Amino acid sequence: MKRRNMSRKHSPVFKFKVAFEALRGEKTVAQLCQEYSIAASQIYTWKKELEERGAEIFSTKSPERTREEELDKLHAVIGRLKVENDFLGRVLGRCQ
């Protein structure tokens, strides 16, 4: 009999919730495993990642700000391309 790969996709919110509960230490990892039906190794992985990368939350440049800056750059490119397209359309329209 073949074993099925029973991997599930967990949302970032769920991962954070479980890892944060593990960090708080109010419940044991075994209790969290039973409560959320996930493996202990998964909880330890999420907990370690939260410990290592948790400081990024308070970094000077937030991901939202970076996304806004990137969006502004893309809007500028779109505007420039629109102007170029309109110009070329007018020039080529006269030549025909």
C-alpha atoms as a PDB file:
ATOM      1  CA  MET A   1       0.000   0.000   0.000  1.00  0.00           C
ATOM      2  CA  LYS A   2       1.386   3.395  -0.993  1.00  0.00           C
ATOM      3  CA  ARG A   3       1.604   6.229   1.484  1.00  0.00           C
ATOM      4  CA  ARG A   4      -0.023   9.435   0.425  1.00  0.00           C
ATOM      5  CA  ASN A   5       1.670  12.722   0.913  1.00  0.00           C
ATOM      6  CA  MET A   6      -0.710  14.347   3.380  1.00  0.00           C
ATOM      7  CA  SER A   7       0.982  17.740   3.470  1.00  0.00           C
ATOM      8  CA  ARG A   8      -1.305  20.661   4.164  1.00  0.00           C
ATOM      9  CA  LYS A   9      -0.814  24.318   3.416  1.00  0.00           C
ATOM     10  CA  HIS A  10      -1.057  26.482   6.501  1.00  0.00           C
ATOM     11  CA  SER A  11      -1.651  30.205   6.370  1.00  0.00           C
ATOM     12  CA  PRO A  12       0.983  32.576   7.720  1.00  0.00           C
ATOM     13  CA  VAL A  13      -1.499  33.662  10.398  1.00  0.00           C
ATOM     14  CA  PHE A  14      -1.939  30.071  11.578  1.00  0.00           C
ATOM     15  CA  LYS A  15       1.834  29.486  11.625  1.00  0.00           C
ATOM     16  CA  PHE A  16       2.380  32.650  13.633  1.00  0.00           C
ATOM     17  CA  LYS A  17      -0.359  31.731  16.095  1.00  0.00           C
ATOM     18  CA  VAL A  18       1.059  28.271  16.754  1.00  0.00           C
ATOM     19  CA  ALA A  19       4.677  29.475  16.924  1.00  0.00           C
ATOM     20  CA  PHE A  20       3.732  32.294  19.278  1.00  0.00           C
ATOM     21  CA  GLU A  21       1.899  29.897  21.579  1.00  0.00           C
ATOM     22  CA  ALA A  22       4.964  27.657  21.584  1.00  0.00           C
ATOM     23  CA  LEU A  23       7.175  30.628  22.464  1.00  0.00           C
ATOM     24  CA  ARG A  24       4.929  31.702  25.311  1.00  0.00           C
ATOM     25  CA  GLY A  25       5.298  28.275  26.863  1.00  0.00           C
ATOM     26  CA  GLU A  26       1.851  28.155  28.469  1.00  0.00           C
ATOM     27  CA  LYS A  27       1.219  24.826  26.717  1.00  0.00           C
ATOM     28  CA  THR A  28       3.680  22.092  25.907  1.00  0.00           C
ATOM     29  CA  VAL A  29       4.576  21.274  22.322  1.00  0.00           C
ATOM     30  CA  ALA A  30       2.787  17.950  22.774  1.00  0.00           C
ATOM     31  CA  GLN A  31      -0.403  19.768  23.763  1.00  0.00           C
ATOM     32  CA  LEU A  32      -0.113  22.087  20.760  1.00  0.00           C
ATOM     33  CA  CYS A  33       0.450  19.091  18.470  1.00  0.00           C
ATOM     34  CA  GLN A  34      -2.691  17.471  19.734  1.00  0.00           C
ATOM     35  CA  GLU A  35      -4.731  20.675  19.648  1.00  0.00           C
ATOM     36  CA  TYR A  36      -3.768  21.651  16.080  1.00  0.00           C
ATOM     37  CA  SER A  37      -3.083  18.170  14.651  1.00  0.00           C
ATOM     38  CA  ILE A  38       0.418  18.976  13.463  1.00  0.00           C
ATOM     39  CA  ALA A  39       3.815  17.393  14.029  1.00  0.00           C
ATOM     40  CA  ALA A  40       6.144  18.584  16.765  1.00  0.00           C
ATOM     41  CA  SER A  41       8.948  19.084  14.254  1.00  0.00           C
ATOM     42  CA  GLN A  42       6.743  21.537  12.381  1.00  0.00           C
ATOM     43  CA  ILE A  43       6.076  23.531  15.539  1.00  0.00           C
ATOM     44  CA  TYR A  44       9.789  23.648  16.358  1.00  0.00           C
ATOM     45  CA  THR A  45      10.540  24.845  12.808  1.00  0.00           C
ATOM     46  CA  TRP A  46       7.959  27.635  12.975  1.00  0.00           C
ATOM     47  CA  LYS A  47       9.087  28.611  16.480  1.00  0.00           C
ATOM     48  CA  LYS A  48      12.726  28.820  15.375  1.00  0.00           C
ATOM     49  CA  GLU A  49      11.781  30.905  12.338  1.00  0.00           C
ATOM     50  CA  LEU A  50       9.762  33.284  14.510  1.00  0.00           C
ATOM     51  CA  GLU A  51      12.678  33.672  16.915  1.00  0.00           C
ATOM     52  CA  GLU A  52      15.157  34.327  14.097  1.00  0.00           C
ATOM     53  CA  ARG A  53      13.059  36.550  11.857  1.00  0.00           C
ATOM     54  CA  GLY A  54      10.696  38.181  14.347  1.00  0.00           C
ATOM     55  CA  ALA A  55      12.873  41.292  14.526  1.00  0.00           C
ATOM     56  CA  GLU A  56      12.133  41.990  10.846  1.00  0.00           C
ATOM     57  CA  ILE A  57       8.677  43.152  11.919  1.00  0.00           C
ATOM     58  CA  PHE A  58      10.262  46.183  13.546  1.00  0.00           C
ATOM     59  CA  SER A  59      12.840  46.894  10.852  1.00  0.00           C
ATOM     60  CA  THR A  60      13.045  50.447   9.523  1.00  0.00           C
ATOM     61  CA  LYS A  61      11.658  49.567   6.098  1.00  0.00           C
ATOM     62  CA  SER A  62       8.401  47.677   6.218  1.00  0.00           C
ATOM     63  CA  PRO A  63       7.333  45.373   3.384  1.00  0.00           C
ATOM     64  CA  GLU A  64       4.294  47.611   2.835  1.00  0.00           C
ATOM     65  CA  ARG A  65       6.474  50.651   2.264  1.00  0.00           C
ATOM     66  CA  THR A  66       8.670  48.700  -0.154  1.00  0.00           C
ATOM     67  CA  ARG A  67       5.592  47.569  -2.051  1.00  0.00           C
ATOM     68  CA  GLU A  68       4.296  51.145  -2.250  1.00  0.00           C
ATOM     69  CA  GLU A  69       7.636  52.370  -3.603  1.00  0.00           C
ATOM     70  CA  GLU A  70       7.673  49.612  -6.201  1.00  0.00           C
ATOM     71  CA  LEU A  71       4.100  50.448  -7.195  1.00  0.00           C
ATOM     72  CA  ASP A  72       5.026  54.120  -7.623  1.00  0.00           C
ATOM     73  CA  LYS A  73       7.943  53.160  -9.888  1.00  0.00           C
ATOM     74  CA  LEU A  74       5.669  50.946 -11.984  1.00  0.00           C
ATOM     75  CA  HIS A  75       3.107  53.731 -12.343  1.00  0.00           C
ATOM     76  CA  ALA A  76       5.885  56.050 -13.548  1.00  0.00           C
ATOM     77  CA  VAL A  77       6.962  53.495 -16.152  1.00  0.00           C
ATOM     78  CA  ILE A  78       3.361  53.027 -17.303  1.00  0.00           C
ATOM     79  CA  GLY A  79       2.960  56.796 -17.661  1.00  0.00           C
ATOM     80  CA  ARG A  80       6.172  57.127 -19.651  1.00  0.00           C
ATOM     81  CA  LEU A  81       5.200  54.257 -21.957  1.00  0.00           C
ATOM     82  CA  LYS A  82       1.742  55.763 -22.494  1.00  0.00           C
ATOM     83  CA  VAL A  83       3.262  59.100 -23.515  1.00  0.00           C
ATOM     84  CA  GLU A  84       5.671  57.347 -25.889  1.00  0.00           C
ATOM     85  CA  ASN A  85       2.871  55.239 -27.351  1.00  0.00           C
ATOM     86  CA  ASP A  86       0.647  58.290 -27.916  1.00  0.00           C
ATOM     87  CA  PHE A  87       3.528  60.178 -29.541  1.00  0.00           C
ATOM     88  CA  LEU A  88       4.407  57.302 -31.864  1.00  0.00           C
ATOM     89  CA  GLY A  89       0.751  56.829 -32.752  1.00  0.00           C
ATOM     90  CA  ARG A  90       0.465  60.468 -33.800  1.00  0.00           C
ATOM     91  CA  VAL A  91       3.737  60.416 -35.770  1.00  0.00           C
ATOM     92  CA  LEU A  92       2.897  57.190 -37.570  1.00  0.00           C
ATOM     93  CA  GLY A  93      -0.646  58.349 -38.220  1.00  0.00           C
ATOM     94  CA  ARG A  94       0.657  61.365 -40.129  1.00  0.00           C
ATOM     95  CA  CYS A  95       3.056  59.280 -42.211  1.00  0.00           C
ATOM     96  CA  GLN A  96       0.418  56.932 -43.593  1.00  0.00           C
END
